[in-house]
């Protein structure tokens, strides 16, 4: 290895170390800690809240968002809207599951009463 190649490698290694040190400083910062606290707090609130959006409802029910949409359209539980975003009451979704009456894909129109 020539002297120029060695210098090039040393310079690249020093740059990589400096970038890693910068990343480590950011990870130890109060700003990053605040971001993590905010994300965890928001996730806990959503997990314990009364309202579910489509993705959260699907994760809660262990199904696809399409199945949530079909069940809501069939009147299995009511769809509420906030600024156009569909929301579902956790208690209504749980009641359907607890009753053991979650309909199969092709049977939704027969088993779910229409919501008014």
PDB file of N, CA and C in Angstrom:
ATOM      1  N   UNK A   1       0.852  -1.163   0.000  1.00  0.00           N
ATOM      2  CA  UNK A   1       0.000   0.000   0.000  1.00  0.00           C
ATOM      3  C   UNK A   1       0.902   1.232   0.000  1.00  0.00           C
ATOM      4  N   UNK A   2       0.575   2.153  -0.876  1.00  0.00           N
ATOM      5  CA  UNK A   2       1.405   3.354  -0.988  1.00  0.00           C
ATOM      6  C   UNK A   2       1.065   4.336   0.131  1.00  0.00           C
ATOM      7  N   UNK A   3       1.912   5.321   0.289  1.00  0.00           N
ATOM      8  CA  UNK A   3       1.709   6.332   1.320  1.00  0.00           C
ATOM      9  C   UNK A   3       0.433   7.136   1.071  1.00  0.00           C
ATOM     10  N   UNK A   4       0.126   7.409  -0.199  1.00  0.00           N
ATOM     11  CA  UNK A   4      -1.074   8.176  -0.540  1.00  0.00           C
ATOM     12  C   UNK A   4      -2.337   7.374  -0.205  1.00  0.00           C
ATOM     13  N   UNK A   5      -2.288   6.065  -0.486  1.00  0.00           N
ATOM     14  CA  UNK A   5      -3.446   5.216  -0.165  1.00  0.00           C
ATOM     15  C   UNK A   5      -3.651   5.128   1.343  1.00  0.00           C
ATOM     16  N   UNK A   6      -2.551   5.030   2.075  1.00  0.00           N
ATOM     17  CA  UNK A   6      -2.638   4.960   3.538  1.00  0.00           C
ATOM     18  C   UNK A   6      -3.235   6.256   4.092  1.00  0.00           C
ATOM     19  N   UNK A   7      -2.808   7.390   3.546  1.00  0.00           N
ATOM     20  CA  UNK A   7      -3.347   8.674   3.994  1.00  0.00           C
ATOM     21  C   UNK A   7      -4.851   8.780   3.675  1.00  0.00           C
ATOM     22  N   UNK A   8      -5.212   8.307   2.493  1.00  0.00           N
ATOM     23  CA  UNK A   8      -6.634   8.311   2.094  1.00  0.00           C
ATOM     24  C   UNK A   8      -7.456   7.480   3.063  1.00  0.00           C
ATOM     25  N   UNK A   9      -6.989   6.276   3.393  1.00  0.00           N
ATOM     26  CA  UNK A   9      -7.707   5.409   4.329  1.00  0.00           C
ATOM     27  C   UNK A   9      -7.783   6.030   5.722  1.00  0.00           C
ATOM     28  N   UNK A  10      -6.689   6.650   6.154  1.00  0.00           N
ATOM     29  CA  UNK A  10      -6.666   7.300   7.468  1.00  0.00           C
ATOM     30  C   UNK A  10      -7.663   8.449   7.501  1.00  0.00           C
ATOM     31  N   UNK A  11      -7.721   9.232   6.447  1.00  0.00           N
ATOM     32  CA  UNK A  11      -8.656  10.356   6.380  1.00  0.00           C
ATOM     33  C   UNK A  11     -10.105   9.857   6.399  1.00  0.00           C
ATOM     34  N   UNK A  12     -10.386   8.794   5.666  1.00  0.00           N
ATOM     35  CA  UNK A  12     -11.745   8.235   5.644  1.00  0.00           C
ATOM     36  C   UNK A  12     -12.120   7.674   7.007  1.00  0.00           C
ATOM     37  N   UNK A  13     -11.163   7.019   7.666  1.00  0.00           N
ATOM     38  CA  UNK A  13     -11.428   6.469   8.999  1.00  0.00           C
ATOM     39  C   UNK A  13     -11.685   7.591  10.002  1.00  0.00           C
ATOM     40  N   UNK A  14     -10.912   8.664   9.933  1.00  0.00           N
ATOM     41  CA  UNK A  14     -11.104   9.792  10.840  1.00  0.00           C
ATOM     42  C   UNK A  14     -12.467  10.447  10.617  1.00  0.00           C
ATOM     43  N   UNK A  15     -12.868  10.549   9.358  1.00  0.00           N
ATOM     44  CA  UNK A  15     -14.168  11.124   9.044  1.00  0.00           C
ATOM     45  C   UNK A  15     -15.289  10.246   9.602  1.00  0.00           C
ATOM     46  N   UNK A  16     -15.151   8.937   9.432  1.00  0.00           N
ATOM     47  CA  UNK A  16     -16.162   8.004   9.949  1.00  0.00           C
ATOM     48  C   UNK A  16     -16.243   8.080  11.470  1.00  0.00           C
ATOM     49  N   UNK A  17     -15.113   8.164  12.145  1.00  0.00           N
ATOM     50  CA  UNK A  17     -15.103   8.274  13.605  1.00  0.00           C
ATOM     51  C   UNK A  17     -15.784   9.566  14.034  1.00  0.00           C
ATOM     52  N   UNK A  18     -15.501  10.658  13.334  1.00  0.00           N
ATOM     53  CA  UNK A  18     -16.126  11.946  13.673  1.00  0.00           C
ATOM     54  C   UNK A  18     -17.641  11.868  13.497  1.00  0.00           C
ATOM     55  N   UNK A  19     -18.098  11.219  12.435  1.00  0.00           N
ATOM     56  CA  UNK A  19     -19.545  11.070  12.211  1.00  0.00           C
ATOM     57  C   UNK A  19     -20.176  10.211  13.300  1.00  0.00           C
ATOM     58  N   UNK A  20     -19.516   9.146  13.702  1.00  0.00           N
ATOM     59  CA  UNK A  20     -20.021   8.286  14.774  1.00  0.00           C
ATOM     60  C   UNK A  20     -20.072   9.032  16.104  1.00  0.00           C
ATOM     61  N   UNK A  21     -19.063   9.832  16.372  1.00  0.00           N
ATOM     62  CA  UNK A  21     -19.048  10.620  17.605  1.00  0.00           C
ATOM     63  C   UNK A  21     -20.194  11.624  17.606  1.00  0.00           C
ATOM     64  N   UNK A  22     -20.456  12.235  16.449  1.00  0.00           N
ATOM     65  CA  UNK A  22     -21.572  13.171  16.330  1.00  0.00           C
ATOM     66  C   UNK A  22     -22.910  12.478  16.562  1.00  0.00           C
ATOM     67  N   UNK A  23     -23.057  11.284  15.997  1.00  0.00           N
ATOM     68  CA  UNK A  23     -24.293  10.523  16.193  1.00  0.00           C
ATOM     69  C   UNK A  23     -24.456  10.122  17.651  1.00  0.00           C
ATOM     70  N   UNK A  24     -23.369   9.728  18.292  1.00  0.00           N
ATOM     71  CA  UNK A  24     -23.427   9.347  19.702  1.00  0.00           C
ATOM     72  C   UNK A  24     -23.814  10.543  20.561  1.00  0.00           C
ATOM     73  N   UNK A  25     -23.302  11.715  20.242  1.00  0.00           N
ATOM     74  CA  UNK A  25     -23.662  12.915  20.994  1.00  0.00           C
ATOM     75  C   UNK A  25     -25.150  13.222  20.826  1.00  0.00           C
ATOM     76  N   UNK A  26     -25.666  13.068  19.615  1.00  0.00           N
ATOM     77  CA  UNK A  26     -27.077  13.317  19.366  1.00  0.00           C
ATOM     78  C   UNK A  26     -27.938  12.334  20.147  1.00  0.00           C
ATOM     79  N   UNK A  27     -27.530  11.073  20.181  1.00  0.00           N
ATOM     80  CA  UNK A  27     -28.289  10.056  20.902  1.00  0.00           C
ATOM     81  C   UNK A  27     -28.300  10.312  22.410  1.00  0.00           C
ATOM     82  N   UNK A  28     -27.247  10.941  22.918  1.00  0.00           N
ATOM     83  CA  UNK A  28     -27.175  11.254  24.343  1.00  0.00           C
ATOM     84  C   UNK A  28     -27.826  12.592  24.682  1.00  0.00           C
ATOM     85  N   UNK A  29     -28.306  13.316  23.680  1.00  0.00           N
ATOM     86  CA  UNK A  29     -28.832  14.663  23.908  1.00  0.00           C
ATOM     87  C   UNK A  29     -30.220  14.631  24.550  1.00  0.00           C
ATOM     88  N   UNK A  30     -30.549  15.712  25.235  1.00  0.00           N
ATOM     89  CA  UNK A  30     -31.882  15.836  25.840  1.00  0.00           C
ATOM     90  C   UNK A  30     -32.949  15.976  24.758  1.00  0.00           C
ATOM     91  N   UNK A  31     -32.592  16.546  23.613  1.00  0.00           N
ATOM     92  CA  UNK A  31     -33.529  16.667  22.504  1.00  0.00           C
ATOM     93  C   UNK A  31     -33.984  15.284  22.043  1.00  0.00           C
ATOM     94  N   UNK A  32     -33.040  14.389  21.825  1.00  0.00           N
ATOM     95  CA  UNK A  32     -33.374  13.036  21.370  1.00  0.00           C
ATOM     96  C   UNK A  32     -34.177  12.307  22.442  1.00  0.00           C
ATOM     97  N   UNK A  33     -33.806  12.496  23.693  1.00  0.00           N
ATOM     98  CA  UNK A  33     -34.551  11.880  24.788  1.00  0.00           C
ATOM     99  C   UNK A  33     -35.994  12.384  24.795  1.00  0.00           C
ATOM    100  N   UNK A  34     -36.178  13.681  24.563  1.00  0.00           N
ATOM    101  CA  UNK A  34     -37.525  14.248  24.518  1.00  0.00           C
ATOM    102  C   UNK A  34     -38.335  13.664  23.364  1.00  0.00           C
ATOM    103  N   UNK A  35     -37.692  13.443  22.214  1.00  0.00           N
ATOM    104  CA  UNK A  35     -38.380  12.820  21.079  1.00  0.00           C
ATOM    105  C   UNK A  35     -38.865  11.411  21.428  1.00  0.00           C
ATOM    106  N   UNK A  36     -38.020  10.659  22.112  1.00  0.00           N
ATOM    107  CA  UNK A  36     -38.389   9.297  22.498  1.00  0.00           C
ATOM    108  C   UNK A  36     -39.532   9.324  23.502  1.00  0.00           C
ATOM    109  N   UNK A  37     -39.454  10.201  24.486  1.00  0.00           N
ATOM    110  CA  UNK A  37     -40.516  10.302  25.495  1.00  0.00           C
ATOM    111  C   UNK A  37     -41.834  10.674  24.827  1.00  0.00           C
ATOM    112  N   UNK A  38     -41.791  11.622  23.904  1.00  0.00           N
ATOM    113  CA  UNK A  38     -43.008  12.038  23.197  1.00  0.00           C
ATOM    114  C   UNK A  38     -43.600  10.883  22.396  1.00  0.00           C
ATOM    115  N   UNK A  39     -42.770  10.140  21.696  1.00  0.00           N
ATOM    116  CA  UNK A  39     -43.254   9.016  20.886  1.00  0.00           C
ATOM    117  C   UNK A  39     -43.856   7.919  21.757  1.00  0.00           C
ATOM    118  N   UNK A  40     -43.190   7.593  22.848  1.00  0.00           N
ATOM    119  CA  UNK A  40     -43.692   6.542  23.741  1.00  0.00           C
ATOM    120  C   UNK A  40     -44.985   6.982  24.407  1.00  0.00           C
ATOM    121  N   UNK A  41     -45.037   8.222  24.869  1.00  0.00           N
ATOM    122  CA  UNK A  41     -46.245   8.741  25.510  1.00  0.00           C
ATOM    123  C   UNK A  41     -47.421   8.728  24.536  1.00  0.00           C
ATOM    124  N   UNK A  42     -47.171   9.156  23.311  1.00  0.00           N
ATOM    125  CA  UNK A  42     -48.227   9.143  22.289  1.00  0.00           C
ATOM    126  C   UNK A  42     -48.701   7.740  21.975  1.00  0.00           C
ATOM    127  N   UNK A  43     -47.778   6.806  21.897  1.00  0.00           N
ATOM    128  CA  UNK A  43     -48.144   5.414  21.619  1.00  0.00           C
ATOM    129  C   UNK A  43     -48.953   4.810  22.755  1.00  0.00           C
ATOM    130  N   UNK A  44     -48.561   5.096  23.978  1.00  0.00           N
ATOM    131  CA  UNK A  44     -49.319   4.588  25.131  1.00  0.00           C
ATOM    132  C   UNK A  44     -50.720   5.177  25.171  1.00  0.00           C
ATOM    133  N   UNK A  45     -50.832   6.466  24.904  1.00  0.00           N
ATOM    134  CA  UNK A  45     -52.149   7.109  24.904  1.00  0.00           C
ATOM    135  C   UNK A  45     -53.040   6.496  23.830  1.00  0.00           C
ATOM    136  N   UNK A  46     -52.478   6.273  22.656  1.00  0.00           N
ATOM    137  CA  UNK A  46     -53.261   5.676  21.572  1.00  0.00           C
ATOM    138  C   UNK A  46     -53.663   4.247  21.907  1.00  0.00           C
ATOM    139  N   UNK A  47     -52.776   3.505  22.539  1.00  0.00           N
ATOM    140  CA  UNK A  47     -53.059   2.112  22.876  1.00  0.00           C
ATOM    141  C   UNK A  47     -54.118   1.995  23.957  1.00  0.00           C
ATOM    142  N   UNK A  48     -54.229   2.996  24.812  1.00  0.00           N
ATOM    143  CA  UNK A  48     -55.181   2.944  25.913  1.00  0.00           C
ATOM    144  C   UNK A  48     -56.410   3.809  25.663  1.00  0.00           C
ATOM    145  N   UNK A  49     -56.438   4.532  24.568  1.00  0.00           N
ATOM    146  CA  UNK A  49     -57.530   5.454  24.290  1.00  0.00           C
ATOM    147  C   UNK A  49     -58.803   4.747  23.858  1.00  0.00           C
ATOM    148  N   UNK A  50     -59.864   5.536  23.786  1.00  0.00           N
ATOM    149  CA  UNK A  50     -61.177   5.014  23.413  1.00  0.00           C
ATOM    150  C   UNK A  50     -61.368   4.921  21.911  1.00  0.00           C
ATOM    151  N   UNK A  51     -60.526   5.604  21.144  1.00  0.00           N
ATOM    152  CA  UNK A  51     -60.719   5.692  19.704  1.00  0.00           C
ATOM    153  C   UNK A  51     -59.609   4.970  18.944  1.00  0.00           C
ATOM    154  N   UNK A  52     -59.997   4.318  17.867  1.00  0.00           N
ATOM    155  CA  UNK A  52     -59.055   3.594  17.013  1.00  0.00           C
ATOM    156  C   UNK A  52     -59.177   4.120  15.594  1.00  0.00           C
ATOM    157  N   UNK A  53     -58.046   4.402  14.958  1.00  0.00           N
ATOM    158  CA  UNK A  53     -58.107   4.694  13.531  1.00  0.00           C
ATOM    159  C   UNK A  53     -58.075   3.362  12.784  1.00  0.00           C
ATOM    160  N   UNK A  54     -58.122   3.391  11.477  1.00  0.00           N
ATOM    161  CA  UNK A  54     -58.198   2.143  10.703  1.00  0.00           C
ATOM    162  C   UNK A  54     -57.025   1.211  10.989  1.00  0.00           C
ATOM    163  N   UNK A  55     -55.807   1.753  10.956  1.00  0.00           N
ATOM    164  CA  UNK A  55     -54.620   0.912  11.154  1.00  0.00           C
ATOM    165  C   UNK A  55     -54.574   0.353  12.571  1.00  0.00           C
ATOM    166  N   UNK A  56     -54.910   1.177  13.558  1.00  0.00           N
ATOM    167  CA  UNK A  56     -54.892   0.711  14.946  1.00  0.00           C
ATOM    168  C   UNK A  56     -55.996  -0.306  15.186  1.00  0.00           C
ATOM    169  N   UNK A  57     -57.169  -0.076  14.594  1.00  0.00           N
ATOM    170  CA  UNK A  57     -58.269  -1.038  14.724  1.00  0.00           C
ATOM    171  C   UNK A  57     -57.879  -2.380  14.105  1.00  0.00           C
ATOM    172  N   UNK A  58     -57.240  -2.333  12.949  1.00  0.00           N
ATOM    173  CA  UNK A  58     -56.814  -3.574  12.293  1.00  0.00           C
ATOM    174  C   UNK A  58     -55.769  -4.299  13.137  1.00  0.00           C
ATOM    175  N   UNK A  59     -54.816  -3.565  13.682  1.00  0.00           N
ATOM    176  CA  UNK A  59     -53.803  -4.196  14.539  1.00  0.00           C
ATOM    177  C   UNK A  59     -54.458  -4.765  15.797  1.00  0.00           C
ATOM    178  N   UNK A  60     -55.397  -4.023  16.365  1.00  0.00           N
ATOM    179  CA  UNK A  60     -56.104  -4.466  17.570  1.00  0.00           C
ATOM    180  C   UNK A  60     -56.870  -5.770  17.307  1.00  0.00           C
ATOM    181  N   UNK A  61     -57.488  -5.841  16.136  1.00  0.00           N
ATOM    182  CA  UNK A  61     -58.299  -7.026  15.781  1.00  0.00           C
ATOM    183  C   UNK A  61     -57.481  -8.110  15.081  1.00  0.00           C
ATOM    184  N   UNK A  62     -56.228  -7.813  14.797  1.00  0.00           N
ATOM    185  CA  UNK A  62     -55.352  -8.736  14.075  1.00  0.00           C
ATOM    186  C   UNK A  62     -55.954  -9.121  12.720  1.00  0.00           C
ATOM    187  N   UNK A  63     -56.321  -8.080  11.967  1.00  0.00           N
ATOM    188  CA  UNK A  63     -56.865  -8.286  10.627  1.00  0.00           C
ATOM    189  C   UNK A  63     -56.361  -7.152   9.741  1.00  0.00           C
ATOM    190  N   UNK A  64     -56.806  -7.126   8.517  1.00  0.00           N
ATOM    191  CA  UNK A  64     -56.388  -6.071   7.592  1.00  0.00           C
ATOM    192  C   UNK A  64     -57.295  -4.854   7.730  1.00  0.00           C
ATOM    193  N   UNK A  65     -56.807  -3.724   7.234  1.00  0.00           N
ATOM    194  CA  UNK A  65     -57.647  -2.528   7.227  1.00  0.00           C
ATOM    195  C   UNK A  65     -58.848  -2.731   6.306  1.00  0.00           C
ATOM    196  N   UNK A  66     -58.687  -3.536   5.263  1.00  0.00           N
ATOM    197  CA  UNK A  66     -59.811  -3.831   4.370  1.00  0.00           C
ATOM    198  C   UNK A  66     -60.934  -4.559   5.112  1.00  0.00           C
ATOM    199  N   UNK A  67     -60.563  -5.458   6.013  1.00  0.00           N
ATOM    200  CA  UNK A  67     -61.577  -6.169   6.785  1.00  0.00           C
ATOM    201  C   UNK A  67     -62.289  -5.214   7.738  1.00  0.00           C
ATOM    202  N   UNK A  68     -61.557  -4.279   8.318  1.00  0.00           N
ATOM    203  CA  UNK A  68     -62.177  -3.251   9.172  1.00  0.00           C
ATOM    204  C   UNK A  68     -63.163  -2.438   8.344  1.00  0.00           C
ATOM    205  N   UNK A  69     -62.743  -2.033   7.154  1.00  0.00           N
ATOM    206  CA  UNK A  69     -63.617  -1.251   6.272  1.00  0.00           C
ATOM    207  C   UNK A  69     -64.883  -2.025   5.914  1.00  0.00           C
ATOM    208  N   UNK A  70     -64.726  -3.309   5.583  1.00  0.00           N
ATOM    209  CA  UNK A  70     -65.893  -4.129   5.220  1.00  0.00           C
ATOM    210  C   UNK A  70     -66.838  -4.286   6.401  1.00  0.00           C
ATOM    211  N   UNK A  71     -66.293  -4.539   7.589  1.00  0.00           N
ATOM    212  CA  UNK A  71     -67.133  -4.714   8.774  1.00  0.00           C
ATOM    213  C   UNK A  71     -67.870  -3.417   9.102  1.00  0.00           C
ATOM    214  N   UNK A  72     -67.197  -2.293   8.986  1.00  0.00           N
ATOM    215  CA  UNK A  72     -67.839  -1.007   9.259  1.00  0.00           C
ATOM    216  C   UNK A  72     -68.914  -0.710   8.214  1.00  0.00           C
ATOM    217  N   UNK A  73     -68.605  -0.988   6.945  1.00  0.00           N
ATOM    218  CA  UNK A  73     -69.578  -0.743   5.875  1.00  0.00           C
ATOM    219  C   UNK A  73     -70.814  -1.627   6.037  1.00  0.00           C
ATOM    220  N   UNK A  74     -70.626  -2.817   6.600  1.00  0.00           N
ATOM    221  CA  UNK A  74     -71.742  -3.741   6.812  1.00  0.00           C
ATOM    222  C   UNK A  74     -72.539  -3.379   8.062  1.00  0.00           C
ATOM    223  N   UNK A  75     -72.070  -2.385   8.820  1.00  0.00           N
ATOM    224  CA  UNK A  75     -72.786  -1.964  10.015  1.00  0.00           C
ATOM    225  C   UNK A  75     -72.461  -2.758  11.256  1.00  0.00           C
ATOM    226  N   UNK A  76     -71.357  -3.497  11.238  1.00  0.00           N
ATOM    227  CA  UNK A  76     -70.965  -4.280  12.414  1.00  0.00           C
ATOM    228  C   UNK A  76     -70.597  -3.375  13.575  1.00  0.00           C
ATOM    229  N   UNK A  77     -70.037  -2.218  13.283  1.00  0.00           N
ATOM    230  CA  UNK A  77     -69.778  -1.179  14.275  1.00  0.00           C
ATOM    231  C   UNK A  77     -69.795   0.145  13.539  1.00  0.00           C
ATOM    232  N   UNK A  78     -70.064   1.184  14.265  1.00  0.00           N
ATOM    233  CA  UNK A  78     -70.243   2.499  13.670  1.00  0.00           C
ATOM    234  C   UNK A  78     -68.910   3.149  13.334  1.00  0.00           C
ATOM    235  N   UNK A  79     -68.901   3.887  12.232  1.00  0.00           N
ATOM    236  CA  UNK A  79     -67.740   4.687  11.853  1.00  0.00           C
ATOM    237  C   UNK A  79     -68.011   6.126  12.251  1.00  0.00           C
ATOM    238  N   UNK A  80     -67.107   6.689  12.999  1.00  0.00           N
ATOM    239  CA  UNK A  80     -67.165   8.093  13.380  1.00  0.00           C
ATOM    240  C   UNK A  80     -66.096   8.806  12.569  1.00  0.00           C
ATOM    241  N   UNK A  81     -66.233  10.085  12.387  1.00  0.00           N
ATOM    242  CA  UNK A  81     -65.240  10.820  11.598  1.00  0.00           C
ATOM    243  C   UNK A  81     -64.764  12.045  12.347  1.00  0.00           C
ATOM    244  N   UNK A  82     -63.462  12.251  12.268  1.00  0.00           N
ATOM    245  CA  UNK A  82     -62.843  13.475  12.781  1.00  0.00           C
ATOM    246  C   UNK A  82     -62.023  14.041  11.636  1.00  0.00           C
ATOM    247  N   UNK A  83     -62.470  15.180  11.137  1.00  0.00           N
ATOM    248  CA  UNK A  83     -61.804  15.821   9.990  1.00  0.00           C
ATOM    249  C   UNK A  83     -61.656  14.852   8.817  1.00  0.00           C
ATOM    250  N   UNK A  84     -62.666  14.032   8.606  1.00  0.00           N
ATOM    251  CA  UNK A  84     -62.658  13.097   7.485  1.00  0.00           C
ATOM    252  C   UNK A  84     -61.968  11.775   7.764  1.00  0.00           C
ATOM    253  N   UNK A  85     -61.288  11.670   8.890  1.00  0.00           N
ATOM    254  CA  UNK A  85     -60.582  10.433   9.236  1.00  0.00           C
ATOM    255  C   UNK A  85     -61.544   9.477   9.932  1.00  0.00           C
ATOM    256  N   UNK A  86     -61.705   8.262   9.403  1.00  0.00           N
ATOM    257  CA  UNK A  86     -62.595   7.315  10.077  1.00  0.00           C
ATOM    258  C   UNK A  86     -62.007   6.835  11.400  1.00  0.00           C
ATOM    259  N   UNK A  87     -62.846   6.854  12.425  1.00  0.00           N
ATOM    260  CA  UNK A  87     -62.459   6.381  13.751  1.00  0.00           C
ATOM    261  C   UNK A  87     -63.506   5.393  14.245  1.00  0.00           C
ATOM    262  N   UNK A  88     -63.086   4.474  15.107  1.00  0.00           N
ATOM    263  CA  UNK A  88     -63.975   3.454  15.654  1.00  0.00           C
ATOM    264  C   UNK A  88     -63.819   3.437  17.161  1.00  0.00           C
ATOM    265  N   UNK A  89     -64.928   3.201  17.866  1.00  0.00           N
ATOM    266  CA  UNK A  89     -64.859   3.096  19.316  1.00  0.00           C
ATOM    267  C   UNK A  89     -64.298   1.731  19.678  1.00  0.00           C
ATOM    268  N   UNK A  90     -63.290   1.740  20.508  1.00  0.00           N
ATOM    269  CA  UNK A  90     -62.663   0.491  20.953  1.00  0.00           C
ATOM    270  C   UNK A  90     -63.713  -0.435  21.569  1.00  0.00           C
ATOM    271  N   UNK A  91     -64.634   0.120  22.359  1.00  0.00           N
ATOM    272  CA  UNK A  91     -65.647  -0.696  23.042  1.00  0.00           C
ATOM    273  C   UNK A  91     -66.566  -1.406  22.051  1.00  0.00           C
ATOM    274  N   UNK A  92     -66.909  -0.740  20.940  1.00  0.00           N
ATOM    275  CA  UNK A  92     -67.782  -1.370  19.936  1.00  0.00           C
ATOM    276  C   UNK A  92     -67.062  -2.496  19.201  1.00  0.00           C
ATOM    277  N   UNK A  93     -65.794  -2.263  18.884  1.00  0.00           N
ATOM    278  CA  UNK A  93     -65.004  -3.301  18.207  1.00  0.00           C
ATOM    279  C   UNK A  93     -64.811  -4.491  19.150  1.00  0.00           C
ATOM    280  N   UNK A  94     -64.483  -4.199  20.413  1.00  0.00           N
ATOM    281  CA  UNK A  94     -64.296  -5.271  21.401  1.00  0.00           C
ATOM    282  C   UNK A  94     -65.586  -6.061  21.614  1.00  0.00           C
ATOM    283  N   UNK A  95     -66.730  -5.368  21.636  1.00  0.00           N
ATOM    284  CA  UNK A  95     -68.006  -6.053  21.852  1.00  0.00           C
ATOM    285  C   UNK A  95     -68.262  -7.073  20.752  1.00  0.00           C
ATOM    286  N   UNK A  96     -67.945  -6.717  19.527  1.00  0.00           N
ATOM    287  CA  UNK A  96     -68.138  -7.640  18.407  1.00  0.00           C
ATOM    288  C   UNK A  96     -67.231  -8.860  18.557  1.00  0.00           C
ATOM    289  N   UNK A  97     -66.005  -8.630  18.953  1.00  0.00           N
ATOM    290  CA  UNK A  97     -65.057  -9.735  19.147  1.00  0.00           C
ATOM    291  C   UNK A  97     -65.491 -10.595  20.330  1.00  0.00           C
ATOM    292  N   UNK A  98     -65.834  -9.939  21.454  1.00  0.00           N
ATOM    293  CA  UNK A  98     -66.211 -10.680  22.663  1.00  0.00           C
ATOM    294  C   UNK A  98     -67.471 -11.507  22.465  1.00  0.00           C
ATOM    295  N   UNK A  99     -68.375 -11.024  21.629  1.00  0.00           N
ATOM    296  CA  UNK A  99     -69.605 -11.773  21.360  1.00  0.00           C
ATOM    297  C   UNK A  99     -69.344 -12.973  20.462  1.00  0.00           C
ATOM    298  N   UNK A 100     -68.147 -13.020  19.877  1.00  0.00           N
ATOM    299  CA  UNK A 100     -67.813 -14.134  18.988  1.00  0.00           C
ATOM    300  C   UNK A 100     -68.558 -14.070  17.672  1.00  0.00           C
ATOM    301  N   UNK A 101     -68.988 -12.869  17.307  1.00  0.00           N
ATOM    302  CA  UNK A 101     -69.783 -12.729  16.083  1.00  0.00           C
ATOM    303  C   UNK A 101     -69.063 -11.979  14.981  1.00  0.00           C
ATOM    304  N   UNK A 102     -67.732 -11.938  15.066  1.00  0.00           N
ATOM    305  CA  UNK A 102     -66.990 -11.280  13.974  1.00  0.00           C
ATOM    306  C   UNK A 102     -67.275 -12.063  12.708  1.00  0.00           C
ATOM    307  N   UNK A 103     -67.877 -11.428  11.724  1.00  0.00           N
ATOM    308  CA  UNK A 103     -68.303 -12.168  10.530  1.00  0.00           C
ATOM    309  C   UNK A 103     -67.155 -12.528   9.605  1.00  0.00           C
ATOM    310  N   UNK A 104     -67.352 -13.608   8.896  1.00  0.00           N
ATOM    311  CA  UNK A 104     -66.388 -13.983   7.866  1.00  0.00           C
ATOM    312  C   UNK A 104     -66.593 -13.070   6.674  1.00  0.00           C
ATOM    313  N   UNK A 105     -65.601 -12.999   5.826  1.00  0.00           N
ATOM    314  CA  UNK A 105     -65.587 -12.046   4.718  1.00  0.00           C
ATOM    315  C   UNK A 105     -66.884 -12.057   3.902  1.00  0.00           C
ATOM    316  N   UNK A 106     -67.341 -13.184   3.441  1.00  0.00           N
ATOM    317  CA  UNK A 106     -68.512 -13.248   2.569  1.00  0.00           C
ATOM    318  C   UNK A 106     -69.834 -13.113   3.301  1.00  0.00           C
ATOM    319  N   UNK A 107     -69.818 -13.197   4.633  1.00  0.00           N
ATOM    320  CA  UNK A 107     -71.070 -13.210   5.385  1.00  0.00           C
ATOM    321  C   UNK A 107     -71.374 -11.886   6.066  1.00  0.00           C
ATOM    322  N   UNK A 108     -70.585 -10.863   5.856  1.00  0.00           N
ATOM    323  CA  UNK A 108     -70.773  -9.616   6.593  1.00  0.00           C
ATOM    324  C   UNK A 108     -72.137  -8.991   6.371  1.00  0.00           C
ATOM    325  N   UNK A 109     -72.631  -9.045   5.146  1.00  0.00           N
ATOM    326  CA  UNK A 109     -73.909  -8.384   4.885  1.00  0.00           C
ATOM    327  C   UNK A 109     -75.059  -9.105   5.554  1.00  0.00           C
ATOM    328  N   UNK A 110     -74.912 -10.370   5.918  1.00  0.00           N
ATOM    329  CA  UNK A 110     -75.988 -11.124   6.560  1.00  0.00           C
ATOM    330  C   UNK A 110     -75.948 -11.054   8.082  1.00  0.00           C
ATOM    331  N   UNK A 111     -74.770 -10.929   8.673  1.00  0.00           N
ATOM    332  CA  UNK A 111     -74.645 -11.060  10.115  1.00  0.00           C
ATOM    333  C   UNK A 111     -74.613  -9.763  10.888  1.00  0.00           C
ATOM    334  N   UNK A 112     -74.294  -8.682  10.246  1.00  0.00           N
ATOM    335  CA  UNK A 112     -74.140  -7.421  10.961  1.00  0.00           C
ATOM    336  C   UNK A 112     -75.392  -6.578  10.819  1.00  0.00           C
ATOM    337  N   UNK A 113     -75.973  -6.183  11.945  1.00  0.00           N
ATOM    338  CA  UNK A 113     -77.143  -5.305  11.857  1.00  0.00           C
ATOM    339  C   UNK A 113     -76.722  -3.930  11.356  1.00  0.00           C
ATOM    340  N   UNK A 114     -77.598  -3.301  10.626  1.00  0.00           N
ATOM    341  CA  UNK A 114     -77.288  -1.955  10.134  1.00  0.00           C
ATOM    342  C   UNK A 114     -77.293  -0.987  11.297  1.00  0.00           C
ATOM    343  N   UNK A 115     -76.282  -0.134  11.347  1.00  0.00           N
ATOM    344  CA  UNK A 115     -76.186   0.892  12.393  1.00  0.00           C
ATOM    345  C   UNK A 115     -76.932   2.130  11.912  1.00  0.00           C
ATOM    346  N   UNK A 116     -77.630   2.765  12.816  1.00  0.00           N
ATOM    347  CA  UNK A 116     -78.314   4.008  12.443  1.00  0.00           C
ATOM    348  C   UNK A 116     -77.661   5.176  13.124  1.00  0.00           C
TER     349      UNK A 116
END
